[in-house]
Each structure stands twice: as structure tokens, then as C-alpha cells.
PDB file of N, CA and C in Angstrom:
ATOM      1  N   UNK A   1     112.488  88.503 114.467  1.00  0.00           N
ATOM      2  CA  UNK A   1     111.635  88.280 114.725  1.00  0.00           C
ATOM      3  C   UNK A   1     111.608  86.610 116.084  1.00  0.00           C
ATOM      4  N   UNK A   2     110.922  86.989 116.963  1.00  0.00           N
ATOM      5  CA  UNK A   2     110.490  86.377 117.447  1.00  0.00           C
ATOM      6  C   UNK A   2     110.101  85.725 118.068  1.00  0.00           C
ATOM      7  N   UNK A   3     109.817  84.440 118.371  1.00  0.00           N
ATOM      8  CA  UNK A   3     108.692  83.711 119.236  1.00  0.00           C
ATOM      9  C   UNK A   3     108.643  82.829 120.660  1.00  0.00           C
ATOM     10  N   UNK A   4     107.673  83.874 121.886  1.00  0.00           N
ATOM     11  CA  UNK A   4     107.868  84.001 122.903  1.00  0.00           C
ATOM     12  C   UNK A   4     106.789  82.424 123.877  1.00  0.00           C
ATOM     13  N   UNK A   5     105.993  82.189 122.770  1.00  0.00           N
ATOM     14  CA  UNK A   5     104.442  80.959 123.102  1.00  0.00           C
ATOM     15  C   UNK A   5     104.249  79.987 122.452  1.00  0.00           C
ATOM     16  N   UNK A   6     104.768  78.838 122.533  1.00  0.00           N
ATOM     17  CA  UNK A   6     103.886  77.859 122.002  1.00  0.00           C
ATOM     18  C   UNK A   6     103.243  76.945 123.009  1.00  0.00           C
ATOM     19  N   UNK A   7     101.530  76.926 122.287  1.00  0.00           N
ATOM     20  CA  UNK A   7     100.468  76.172 124.295  1.00  0.00           C
ATOM     21  C   UNK A   7      99.388  75.291 123.329  1.00  0.00           C
ATOM     22  N   UNK A   8      99.979  74.019 123.605  1.00  0.00           N
ATOM     23  CA  UNK A   8      98.437  72.957 122.999  1.00  0.00           C
ATOM     24  C   UNK A   8      97.646  73.366 123.903  1.00  0.00           C
ATOM     25  N   UNK A   9      95.967  74.593 123.745  1.00  0.00           N
ATOM     26  CA  UNK A   9      94.985  73.712 124.717  1.00  0.00           C
ATOM     27  C   UNK A   9      93.978  73.132 124.677  1.00  0.00           C
ATOM     28  N   UNK A  10      93.485  72.700 125.248  1.00  0.00           N
ATOM     29  CA  UNK A  10      91.274  72.111 124.581  1.00  0.00           C
ATOM     30  C   UNK A  10      90.959  72.928 124.602  1.00  0.00           C
ATOM     31  N   UNK A  11      89.908  73.305 123.673  1.00  0.00           N
ATOM     32  CA  UNK A  11      88.678  73.824 124.830  1.00  0.00           C
ATOM     33  C   UNK A  11      87.401  72.790 125.002  1.00  0.00           C
ATOM     34  N   UNK A  12      86.962  73.196 126.322  1.00  0.00           N
ATOM     35  CA  UNK A  12      86.336  71.639 126.328  1.00  0.00           C
ATOM     36  C   UNK A  12      84.384  72.213 127.092  1.00  0.00           C
ATOM     37  N   UNK A  13      83.741  71.683 126.814  1.00  0.00           N
ATOM     38  CA  UNK A  13      82.653  73.114 127.833  1.00  0.00           C
ATOM     39  C   UNK A  13      82.838  73.714 128.172  1.00  0.00           C
ATOM     40  N   UNK A  14      82.938  73.734 129.671  1.00  0.00           N
ATOM     41  CA  UNK A  14      82.783  74.359 130.859  1.00  0.00           C
ATOM     42  C   UNK A  14      84.161  75.358 130.464  1.00  0.00           C
ATOM     43  N   UNK A  15      85.034  74.833 130.473  1.00  0.00           N
ATOM     44  CA  UNK A  15      86.489  75.514 130.132  1.00  0.00           C
ATOM     45  C   UNK A  15      88.280  75.074 129.747  1.00  0.00           C
ATOM     46  N   UNK A  16      88.988  76.116 129.380  1.00  0.00           N
ATOM     47  CA  UNK A  16      89.600  75.978 128.318  1.00  0.00           C
ATOM     48  C   UNK A  16      90.311  75.044 129.483  1.00  0.00           C
ATOM     49  N   UNK A  17      91.801  74.025 128.575  1.00  0.00           N
ATOM     50  CA  UNK A  17      92.465  72.623 129.736  1.00  0.00           C
ATOM     51  C   UNK A  17      93.473  73.074 129.200  1.00  0.00           C
ATOM     52  N   UNK A  18      94.464  74.057 129.547  1.00  0.00           N
ATOM     53  CA  UNK A  18      96.148  73.766 128.923  1.00  0.00           C
ATOM     54  C   UNK A  18      96.662  73.250 129.028  1.00  0.00           C
ATOM     55  N   UNK A  19      96.978  72.083 127.835  1.00  0.00           N
ATOM     56  CA  UNK A  19      97.777  70.765 127.919  1.00  0.00           C
ATOM     57  C   UNK A  19      99.053  70.964 128.032  1.00  0.00           C
ATOM     58  N   UNK A  20      99.353  71.209 127.249  1.00  0.00           N
ATOM     59  CA  UNK A  20     100.969  71.530 126.961  1.00  0.00           C
ATOM     60  C   UNK A  20     101.771  73.552 126.697  1.00  0.00           C
ATOM     61  N   UNK A  21     102.235  73.955 126.796  1.00  0.00           N
ATOM     62  CA  UNK A  21     102.896  75.625 126.801  1.00  0.00           C
ATOM     63  C   UNK A  21     104.870  74.965 127.073  1.00  0.00           C
ATOM     64  N   UNK A  22     105.115  76.118 125.931  1.00  0.00           N
ATOM     65  CA  UNK A  22     106.684  76.338 125.481  1.00  0.00           C
ATOM     66  C   UNK A  22     106.486  77.934 125.976  1.00  0.00           C
ATOM     67  N   UNK A  23     107.395  78.135 126.485  1.00  0.00           N
ATOM     68  CA  UNK A  23     107.529  80.102 126.781  1.00  0.00           C
ATOM     69  C   UNK A  23     109.204  79.836 126.705  1.00  0.00           C
ATOM     70  N   UNK A  24     109.402  80.972 126.029  1.00  0.00           N
ATOM     71  CA  UNK A  24     110.354  82.172 125.606  1.00  0.00           C
ATOM     72  C   UNK A  24     110.365  83.369 125.718  1.00  0.00           C
ATOM     73  N   UNK A  25     111.259  83.091 127.791  1.00  0.00           N
ATOM     74  CA  UNK A  25     111.374  84.551 128.566  1.00  0.00           C
ATOM     75  C   UNK A  25     112.357  84.919 128.438  1.00  0.00           C
ATOM     76  N   UNK A  26     113.901  85.195 128.060  1.00  0.00           N
ATOM     77  CA  UNK A  26     114.919  85.070 128.055  1.00  0.00           C
ATOM     78  C   UNK A  26     115.679  86.993 127.880  1.00  0.00           C
ATOM     79  N   UNK A  27     113.855  86.993 126.964  1.00  0.00           N
ATOM     80  CA  UNK A  27     114.256  88.560 126.444  1.00  0.00           C
ATOM     81  C   UNK A  27     114.292  89.460 127.249  1.00  0.00           C
ATOM     82  N   UNK A  28     113.133  88.650 128.722  1.00  0.00           N
ATOM     83  CA  UNK A  28     112.871  89.441 128.728  1.00  0.00           C
ATOM     84  C   UNK A  28     113.804  89.259 130.694  1.00  0.00           C
ATOM     85  N   UNK A  29     113.814  90.948 131.902  1.00  0.00           N
ATOM     86  CA  UNK A  29     114.367  90.535 132.856  1.00  0.00           C
ATOM     87  C   UNK A  29     114.117  89.537 134.037  1.00  0.00           C
ATOM     88  N   UNK A  30     114.788  89.195 135.009  1.00  0.00           N
ATOM     89  CA  UNK A  30     115.096  88.477 135.343  1.00  0.00           C
ATOM     90  C   UNK A  30     114.019  88.512 136.123  1.00  0.00           C
ATOM     91  N   UNK A  31     112.691  89.180 136.690  1.00  0.00           N
ATOM     92  CA  UNK A  31     112.029  89.991 137.646  1.00  0.00           C
ATOM     93  C   UNK A  31     110.765  89.567 137.036  1.00  0.00           C
ATOM     94  N   UNK A  32     110.505  90.373 135.301  1.00  0.00           N
ATOM     95  CA  UNK A  32     109.484  90.283 134.855  1.00  0.00           C
ATOM     96  C   UNK A  32     109.368  88.449 134.262  1.00  0.00           C
ATOM     97  N   UNK A  33     110.558  87.974 134.428  1.00  0.00           N
ATOM     98  CA  UNK A  33     109.413  86.915 134.080  1.00  0.00           C
ATOM     99  C   UNK A  33     108.657  85.828 133.318  1.00  0.00           C
ATOM    100  N   UNK A  34     108.328  85.997 135.411  1.00  0.00           N
ATOM    101  CA  UNK A  34     107.328  85.245 135.377  1.00  0.00           C
ATOM    102  C   UNK A  34     106.054  86.174 135.473  1.00  0.00           C
ATOM    103  N   UNK A  35     106.022  87.489 135.403  1.00  0.00           N
ATOM    104  CA  UNK A  35     104.559  87.477 135.788  1.00  0.00           C
ATOM    105  C   UNK A  35     104.360  87.760 133.832  1.00  0.00           C
ATOM    106  N   UNK A  36     105.174  87.901 132.735  1.00  0.00           N
ATOM    107  CA  UNK A  36     104.958  87.293 131.409  1.00  0.00           C
ATOM    108  C   UNK A  36     105.134  86.163 130.576  1.00  0.00           C
ATOM    109  N   UNK A  37     104.562  85.511 131.797  1.00  0.00           N
ATOM    110  CA  UNK A  37     104.573  83.781 131.765  1.00  0.00           C
ATOM    111  C   UNK A  37     103.351  83.836 131.524  1.00  0.00           C
ATOM    112  N   UNK A  38     102.664  84.064 132.809  1.00  0.00           N
ATOM    113  CA  UNK A  38     100.786  84.209 133.073  1.00  0.00           C
ATOM    114  C   UNK A  38     100.362  85.344 132.306  1.00  0.00           C
ATOM    115  N   UNK A  39     101.350  86.156 132.192  1.00  0.00           N
ATOM    116  CA  UNK A  39     100.573  87.450 131.072  1.00  0.00           C
ATOM    117  C   UNK A  39     100.036  86.232 130.206  1.00  0.00           C
ATOM    118  N   UNK A  40     101.009  84.898 129.767  1.00  0.00           N
ATOM    119  CA  UNK A  40     100.906  84.883 127.856  1.00  0.00           C
ATOM    120  C   UNK A  40      99.441  82.980 128.346  1.00  0.00           C
ATOM    121  N   UNK A  41      99.902  82.728 129.349  1.00  0.00           N
ATOM    122  CA  UNK A  41      99.240  81.836 130.008  1.00  0.00           C
ATOM    123  C   UNK A  41      97.238  81.722 129.870  1.00  0.00           C
ATOM    124  N   UNK A  42      97.802  83.400 130.171  1.00  0.00           N
ATOM    125  CA  UNK A  42      96.416  83.759 130.617  1.00  0.00           C
ATOM    126  C   UNK A  42      95.898  84.421 129.722  1.00  0.00           C
ATOM    127  N   UNK A  43      96.760  84.849 128.162  1.00  0.00           N
ATOM    128  CA  UNK A  43      96.398  85.854 127.323  1.00  0.00           C
ATOM    129  C   UNK A  43      95.431  84.417 126.009  1.00  0.00           C
ATOM    130  N   UNK A  44      96.309  82.942 126.027  1.00  0.00           N
ATOM    131  CA  UNK A  44      96.162  81.777 124.814  1.00  0.00           C
ATOM    132  C   UNK A  44      94.554  81.305 125.763  1.00  0.00           C
ATOM    133  N   UNK A  45      94.673  81.323 126.508  1.00  0.00           N
ATOM    134  CA  UNK A  45      93.311  80.674 127.735  1.00  0.00           C
ATOM    135  C   UNK A  45      92.014  80.926 126.748  1.00  0.00           C
ATOM    136  N   UNK A  46      92.104  83.028 126.920  1.00  0.00           N
ATOM    137  CA  UNK A  46      91.144  83.592 126.656  1.00  0.00           C
ATOM    138  C   UNK A  46      90.929  84.005 125.646  1.00  0.00           C
ATOM    139  N   UNK A  47      92.242  83.742 124.794  1.00  0.00           N
ATOM    140  CA  UNK A  47      91.913  84.093 122.967  1.00  0.00           C
ATOM    141  C   UNK A  47      91.430  82.359 122.548  1.00  0.00           C
ATOM    142  N   UNK A  48      91.155  81.109 122.777  1.00  0.00           N
ATOM    143  CA  UNK A  48      90.801  79.916 123.039  1.00  0.00           C
ATOM    144  C   UNK A  48      89.005  79.678 123.160  1.00  0.00           C
ATOM    145  N   UNK A  49      89.215  80.433 124.143  1.00  0.00           N
ATOM    146  CA  UNK A  49      87.894  80.528 124.590  1.00  0.00           C
ATOM    147  C   UNK A  49      87.090  81.729 124.504  1.00  0.00           C
ATOM    148  N   UNK A  50      87.459  82.545 123.201  1.00  0.00           N
ATOM    149  CA  UNK A  50      86.906  83.318 123.044  1.00  0.00           C
ATOM    150  C   UNK A  50      86.634  83.040 121.414  1.00  0.00           C
ATOM    151  N   UNK A  51      87.258  81.610 121.191  1.00  0.00           N
ATOM    152  CA  UNK A  51      87.002  81.959 119.226  1.00  0.00           C
ATOM    153  C   UNK A  51      86.137  80.098 119.325  1.00  0.00           C
ATOM    154  N   UNK A  52      85.345  80.944 118.280  1.00  0.00           N
ATOM    155  CA  UNK A  52      84.663  79.483 117.360  1.00  0.00           C
ATOM    156  C   UNK A  52      85.640  78.425 117.086  1.00  0.00           C
ATOM    157  N   UNK A  53      84.994  76.848 117.215  1.00  0.00           N
ATOM    158  CA  UNK A  53      84.846  75.024 116.851  1.00  0.00           C
ATOM    159  C   UNK A  53      85.657  76.060 115.084  1.00  0.00           C
ATOM    160  N   UNK A  54      86.686  75.154 114.822  1.00  0.00           N
ATOM    161  CA  UNK A  54      86.849  75.941 113.523  1.00  0.00           C
ATOM    162  C   UNK A  54      87.240  76.494 113.293  1.00  0.00           C
ATOM    163  N   UNK A  55      87.970  77.654 113.333  1.00  0.00           N
ATOM    164  CA  UNK A  55      88.331  79.060 112.887  1.00  0.00           C
ATOM    165  C   UNK A  55      90.538  79.425 112.803  1.00  0.00           C
ATOM    166  N   UNK A  56      90.379  79.854 112.059  1.00  0.00           N
ATOM    167  CA  UNK A  56      92.257  79.908 113.354  1.00  0.00           C
ATOM    168  C   UNK A  56      91.448  81.938 112.711  1.00  0.00           C
ATOM    169  N   UNK A  57      92.622  82.666 113.643  1.00  0.00           N
ATOM    170  CA  UNK A  57      92.666  84.285 113.670  1.00  0.00           C
ATOM    171  C   UNK A  57      94.424  84.815 114.015  1.00  0.00           C
ATOM    172  N   UNK A  58      94.795  85.838 113.836  1.00  0.00           N
ATOM    173  CA  UNK A  58      95.731  86.498 114.482  1.00  0.00           C
ATOM    174  C   UNK A  58      94.618  88.063 115.516  1.00  0.00           C
ATOM    175  N   UNK A  59      95.747  87.565 116.663  1.00  0.00           N
ATOM    176  CA  UNK A  59      95.017  89.199 117.095  1.00  0.00           C
ATOM    177  C   UNK A  59      95.613  89.496 118.074  1.00  0.00           C
ATOM    178  N   UNK A  60      95.782  91.295 118.202  1.00  0.00           N
ATOM    179  CA  UNK A  60      96.638  91.967 118.164  1.00  0.00           C
ATOM    180  C   UNK A  60      96.933  91.948 119.899  1.00  0.00           C
ATOM    181  N   UNK A  61      97.897  91.577 121.089  1.00  0.00           N
ATOM    182  CA  UNK A  61      97.104  92.070 122.088  1.00  0.00           C
ATOM    183  C   UNK A  61      98.248  92.740 123.143  1.00  0.00           C
ATOM    184  N   UNK A  62      98.315  94.009 123.646  1.00  0.00           N
ATOM    185  CA  UNK A  62      99.555  94.539 123.256  1.00  0.00           C
ATOM    186  C   UNK A  62     100.797  95.154 122.562  1.00  0.00           C
ATOM    187  N   UNK A  63     101.745  94.783 122.970  1.00  0.00           N
ATOM    188  CA  UNK A  63     102.699  94.494 121.191  1.00  0.00           C
ATOM    189  C   UNK A  63     103.195  92.939 121.004  1.00  0.00           C
ATOM    190  N   UNK A  64     102.548  92.327 120.804  1.00  0.00           N
ATOM    191  CA  UNK A  64     102.663  91.534 120.368  1.00  0.00           C
ATOM    192  C   UNK A  64     101.123  90.571 119.708  1.00  0.00           C
ATOM    193  N   UNK A  65     101.916  89.550 118.423  1.00  0.00           N
ATOM    194  CA  UNK A  65     100.992  89.197 118.044  1.00  0.00           C
ATOM    195  C   UNK A  65     100.371  87.627 118.598  1.00  0.00           C
ATOM    196  N   UNK A  66      99.125  87.182 118.485  1.00  0.00           N
ATOM    197  CA  UNK A  66      98.499  86.296 119.260  1.00  0.00           C
ATOM    198  C   UNK A  66      98.222  85.843 117.852  1.00  0.00           C
ATOM    199  N   UNK A  67      98.176  84.575 117.374  1.00  0.00           N
ATOM    200  CA  UNK A  67      97.650  83.423 116.478  1.00  0.00           C
ATOM    201  C   UNK A  67      96.953  82.102 117.072  1.00  0.00           C
ATOM    202  N   UNK A  68      95.940  81.986 116.816  1.00  0.00           N
ATOM    203  CA  UNK A  68      95.051  80.811 116.949  1.00  0.00           C
ATOM    204  C   UNK A  68      93.956  79.880 116.564  1.00  0.00           C
ATOM    205  N   UNK A  69      94.609  78.214 116.894  1.00  0.00           N
ATOM    206  CA  UNK A  69      94.071  78.001 115.601  1.00  0.00           C
ATOM    207  C   UNK A  69      93.068  76.471 115.992  1.00  0.00           C
ATOM    208  N   UNK A  70      91.639  76.921 116.203  1.00  0.00           N
ATOM    209  CA  UNK A  70      90.696  75.814 116.964  1.00  0.00           C
ATOM    210  C   UNK A  70      90.183  74.816 115.739  1.00  0.00           C
ATOM    211  N   UNK A  71      90.827  73.553 116.040  1.00  0.00           N
ATOM    212  CA  UNK A  71      89.754  72.717 115.113  1.00  0.00           C
ATOM    213  C   UNK A  71      88.674  72.267 115.957  1.00  0.00           C
ATOM    214  N   UNK A  72      87.973  71.459 115.038  1.00  0.00           N
ATOM    215  CA  UNK A  72      87.082  71.077 115.546  1.00  0.00           C
ATOM    216  C   UNK A  72      87.024  70.180 116.081  1.00  0.00           C
ATOM    217  N   UNK A  73      87.294  69.475 116.478  1.00  0.00           N
ATOM    218  CA  UNK A  73      87.362  68.558 117.193  1.00  0.00           C
ATOM    219  C   UNK A  73      88.189  69.071 119.182  1.00  0.00           C
ATOM    220  N   UNK A  74      88.278  70.221 118.751  1.00  0.00           N
ATOM    221  CA  UNK A  74      88.360  71.373 120.858  1.00  0.00           C
ATOM    222  C   UNK A  74      90.128  71.517 120.992  1.00  0.00           C
ATOM    223  N   UNK A  75      90.994  70.578 119.835  1.00  0.00           N
ATOM    224  CA  UNK A  75      91.345  71.311 119.807  1.00  0.00           C
ATOM    225  C   UNK A  75      92.748  71.721 119.684  1.00  0.00           C
ATOM    226  N   UNK A  76      93.308  73.180 120.516  1.00  0.00           N
ATOM    227  CA  UNK A  76      93.569  74.202 120.050  1.00  0.00           C
ATOM    228  C   UNK A  76      95.345  75.071 119.986  1.00  0.00           C
ATOM    229  N   UNK A  77      95.195  75.073 119.253  1.00  0.00           N
ATOM    230  CA  UNK A  77      97.267  75.801 119.360  1.00  0.00           C
ATOM    231  C   UNK A  77      97.196  78.002 119.400  1.00  0.00           C
ATOM    232  N   UNK A  78      97.893  77.976 120.277  1.00  0.00           N
ATOM    233  CA  UNK A  78      97.952  79.205 120.457  1.00  0.00           C
ATOM    234  C   UNK A  78     100.057  79.991 120.189  1.00  0.00           C
ATOM    235  N   UNK A  79     100.550  80.919 119.440  1.00  0.00           N
ATOM    236  CA  UNK A  79     101.525  81.457 119.061  1.00  0.00           C
ATOM    237  C   UNK A  79     101.582  82.303 119.676  1.00  0.00           C
ATOM    238  N   UNK A  80     102.119  83.224 120.193  1.00  0.00           N
ATOM    239  CA  UNK A  80     102.503  84.298 120.383  1.00  0.00           C
ATOM    240  C   UNK A  80     104.072  84.749 120.452  1.00  0.00           C
ATOM    241  N   UNK A  81     103.982  86.328 119.110  1.00  0.00           N
ATOM    242  CA  UNK A  81     105.047  86.735 118.701  1.00  0.00           C
ATOM    243  C   UNK A  81     104.762  88.230 118.445  1.00  0.00           C
ATOM    244  N   UNK A  82     106.256  87.966 117.880  1.00  0.00           N
ATOM    245  CA  UNK A  82     106.263  89.624 118.581  1.00  0.00           C
ATOM    246  C   UNK A  82     105.653  89.809 116.117  1.00  0.00           C
ATOM    247  N   UNK A  83     105.491  90.783 115.345  1.00  0.00           N
ATOM    248  CA  UNK A  83     104.630  91.422 114.423  1.00  0.00           C
ATOM    249  C   UNK A  83     105.512  91.272 113.532  1.00  0.00           C
ATOM    250  N   UNK A  84     106.896  90.720 113.599  1.00  0.00           N
ATOM    251  CA  UNK A  84     107.493  90.671 112.047  1.00  0.00           C
ATOM    252  C   UNK A  84     106.516  88.916 112.398  1.00  0.00           C
ATOM    253  N   UNK A  85     107.124  88.049 112.774  1.00  0.00           N
ATOM    254  CA  UNK A  85     106.571  87.280 112.696  1.00  0.00           C
ATOM    255  C   UNK A  85     106.217  86.676 111.320  1.00  0.00           C
ATOM    256  N   UNK A  86     106.008  85.758 110.676  1.00  0.00           N
ATOM    257  CA  UNK A  86     105.189  86.105 109.681  1.00  0.00           C
ATOM    258  C   UNK A  86     103.566  84.483 110.005  1.00  0.00           C
ATOM    259  N   UNK A  87     102.593  85.549 109.867  1.00  0.00           N
ATOM    260  CA  UNK A  87     101.392  84.552 109.893  1.00  0.00           C
ATOM    261  C   UNK A  87     100.870  83.340 110.033  1.00  0.00           C
ATOM    262  N   UNK A  88     101.740  83.425 108.518  1.00  0.00           N
ATOM    263  CA  UNK A  88     101.102  82.075 107.875  1.00  0.00           C
ATOM    264  C   UNK A  88     102.618  80.984 108.708  1.00  0.00           C
ATOM    265  N   UNK A  89     104.059  81.161 108.989  1.00  0.00           N
ATOM    266  CA  UNK A  89     104.500  80.581 109.464  1.00  0.00           C
ATOM    267  C   UNK A  89     104.240  79.851 110.196  1.00  0.00           C
ATOM    268  N   UNK A  90     103.652  80.600 111.718  1.00  0.00           N
ATOM    269  CA  UNK A  90     102.654  80.340 112.914  1.00  0.00           C
ATOM    270  C   UNK A  90     101.654  79.847 112.533  1.00  0.00           C
ATOM    271  N   UNK A  91     100.820  79.265 111.565  1.00  0.00           N
ATOM    272  CA  UNK A  91      99.879  78.600 111.776  1.00  0.00           C
ATOM    273  C   UNK A  91     100.002  77.299 110.578  1.00  0.00           C
ATOM    274  N   UNK A  92     101.258  77.944 109.842  1.00  0.00           N
ATOM    275  CA  UNK A  92     101.451  76.009 109.430  1.00  0.00           C
ATOM    276  C   UNK A  92     102.085  75.551 110.734  1.00  0.00           C
ATOM    277  N   UNK A  93     103.074  75.698 111.765  1.00  0.00           N
ATOM    278  CA  UNK A  93     103.772  75.003 112.613  1.00  0.00           C
ATOM    279  C   UNK A  93     102.645  74.960 114.001  1.00  0.00           C
ATOM    280  N   UNK A  94     100.694  75.450 114.374  1.00  0.00           N
ATOM    281  CA  UNK A  94     100.417  75.456 114.842  1.00  0.00           C
ATOM    282  C   UNK A  94      99.078  73.250 114.021  1.00  0.00           C
ATOM    283  N   UNK A  95      99.268  73.548 112.592  1.00  0.00           N
ATOM    284  CA  UNK A  95      98.675  72.640 112.306  1.00  0.00           C
ATOM    285  C   UNK A  95     100.261  71.350 112.395  1.00  0.00           C
ATOM    286  N   UNK A  96     100.795  71.573 112.393  1.00  0.00           N
ATOM    287  CA  UNK A  96     101.841  70.779 112.712  1.00  0.00           C
ATOM    288  C   UNK A  96     101.587  69.929 113.291  1.00  0.00           C
ATOM    289  N   UNK A  97     101.858  70.711 115.208  1.00  0.00           N
ATOM    290  CA  UNK A  97     101.454  70.181 116.128  1.00  0.00           C
ATOM    291  C   UNK A  97      99.962  70.143 116.801  1.00  0.00           C
ATOM    292  N   UNK A  98      99.490  70.417 115.632  1.00  0.00           N
ATOM    293  CA  UNK A  98      97.490  69.831 116.583  1.00  0.00           C
ATOM    294  C   UNK A  98      97.784  68.622 115.944  1.00  0.00           C
ATOM    295  N   UNK A  99      98.421  68.321 114.313  1.00  0.00           N
ATOM    296  CA  UNK A  99      98.549  67.281 113.910  1.00  0.00           C
ATOM    297  C   UNK A  99      98.895  65.738 114.241  1.00  0.00           C
ATOM    298  N   UNK A 100     100.504  66.487 114.609  1.00  0.00           N
ATOM    299  CA  UNK A 100     101.624  65.591 115.291  1.00  0.00           C
ATOM    300  C   UNK A 100     100.459  64.467 116.654  1.00  0.00           C
ATOM    301  N   UNK A 101      99.795  65.455 117.478  1.00  0.00           N
ATOM    302  CA  UNK A 101      98.792  65.144 118.863  1.00  0.00           C
ATOM    303  C   UNK A 101      97.928  64.107 118.737  1.00  0.00           C
ATOM    304  N   UNK A 102      97.258  64.491 116.709  1.00  0.00           N
ATOM    305  CA  UNK A 102      96.637  63.548 117.202  1.00  0.00           C
ATOM    306  C   UNK A 102      96.142  62.114 116.833  1.00  0.00           C
ATOM    307  N   UNK A 103      98.491  62.300 116.275  1.00  0.00           N
ATOM    308  CA  UNK A 103      97.830  61.179 115.558  1.00  0.00           C
ATOM    309  C   UNK A 103      99.319  60.353 116.694  1.00  0.00           C
ATOM    310  N   UNK A 104      99.665  59.974 117.453  1.00  0.00           N
ATOM    311  CA  UNK A 104     100.401  59.469 118.276  1.00  0.00           C
ATOM    312  C   UNK A 104      99.057  59.394 119.642  1.00  0.00           C
ATOM    313  N   UNK A 105      98.065  59.402 119.247  1.00  0.00           N
ATOM    314  CA  UNK A 105      96.549  58.938 119.841  1.00  0.00           C
ATOM    315  C   UNK A 105      96.891  58.706 120.737  1.00  0.00           C
ATOM    316  N   UNK A 106      97.058  60.545 121.361  1.00  0.00           N
ATOM    317  CA  UNK A 106      96.462  61.103 122.459  1.00  0.00           C
ATOM    318  C   UNK A 106      95.107  60.941 123.216  1.00  0.00           C
ATOM    319  N   UNK A 107      94.361  60.436 124.341  1.00  0.00           N
ATOM    320  CA  UNK A 107      93.358  60.837 124.759  1.00  0.00           C
ATOM    321  C   UNK A 107      92.794  62.099 125.785  1.00  0.00           C
ATOM    322  N   UNK A 108      93.120  63.085 124.481  1.00  0.00           N
ATOM    323  CA  UNK A 108      91.954  64.622 125.149  1.00  0.00           C
ATOM    324  C   UNK A 108      91.442  64.391 126.502  1.00  0.00           C
ATOM    325  N   UNK A 109      90.964  63.575 126.497  1.00  0.00           N
ATOM    326  CA  UNK A 109      89.385  64.184 127.651  1.00  0.00           C
ATOM    327  C   UNK A 109      90.912  63.402 129.072  1.00  0.00           C
ATOM    328  N   UNK A 110      91.309  62.121 128.116  1.00  0.00           N
ATOM    329  CA  UNK A 110      92.200  61.890 130.083  1.00  0.00           C
ATOM    330  C   UNK A 110      92.656  62.467 130.262  1.00  0.00           C
ATOM    331  N   UNK A 111      93.741  64.443 130.199  1.00  0.00           N
ATOM    332  CA  UNK A 111      94.467  64.494 130.760  1.00  0.00           C
ATOM    333  C   UNK A 111      93.673  65.483 131.227  1.00  0.00           C
ATOM    334  N   UNK A 112      92.160  66.301 130.679  1.00  0.00           N
ATOM    335  CA  UNK A 112      91.851  67.830 130.968  1.00  0.00           C
ATOM    336  C   UNK A 112      90.675  67.596 132.399  1.00  0.00           C
ATOM    337  N   UNK A 113      90.906  66.200 132.600  1.00  0.00           N
ATOM    338  CA  UNK A 113      90.399  65.649 133.517  1.00  0.00           C
ATOM    339  C   UNK A 113      91.806  65.285 134.813  1.00  0.00           C
ATOM    340  N   UNK A 114      92.749  65.760 134.699  1.00  0.00           N
ATOM    341  CA  UNK A 114      93.570  65.848 135.655  1.00  0.00           C
ATOM    342  C   UNK A 114      93.761  67.550 136.619  1.00  0.00           C
TER     343      UNK A 114
END
């Protein structure tokens, strides 16, 4: 079981904004790490862009499984993991991360303007 990426995004009207992301690319060779990280960033943005507000989904992309949760307020989270990682754990993690960001009273609109 391997978790490769956890991203928090905001689904705005014109486009999706990446707010924060964490990657674990240590299992890839040194020369592949930057392109793998770019792939994960691009895939996360694309999945959130194509998802409806208030939805949860799991999308297979190559040998990875991408779990996305888009809240009604536009705050979204994406976990990229292997197929062995339980989807229930991913969605619980996404729910806790999104809720903790909202509890900290962060002004999402301020971050997306940067």
C-alpha cells in the first residue's frame, strides 16, 4: 500500500487552483521524480475540474487510483495511491483535511488570488 500524493485544491469559476500539495516520490528514480510530480499535479487539477460540486469519485489513471472529494463550497481534495490502498481510508482522510482547513477559518478566496 502506497500513498503518493495528497492535494488540496479550490474549484473556482474559471479554473482550478492548487492550494497545497504533498508528494512522496521516493519510490521513483531520481530522474523520474519531477515528471511524476508534474503528472500528479496535472491529474489532480484535471480530475477536480471535471468533477461536480458535492461529489466523491475514484478514477483509475495508469497504474494509480485517484480519489477525489469536491465539497459544495468548491474546496476539493485529491489522493493518488496505488490499487491496494483502501478507498474508504482515502475519503476519510480527504474529509478530515478539508474540514480542518475550514475550521482554521482560512480565507480560500485570498489564496486563489495569488
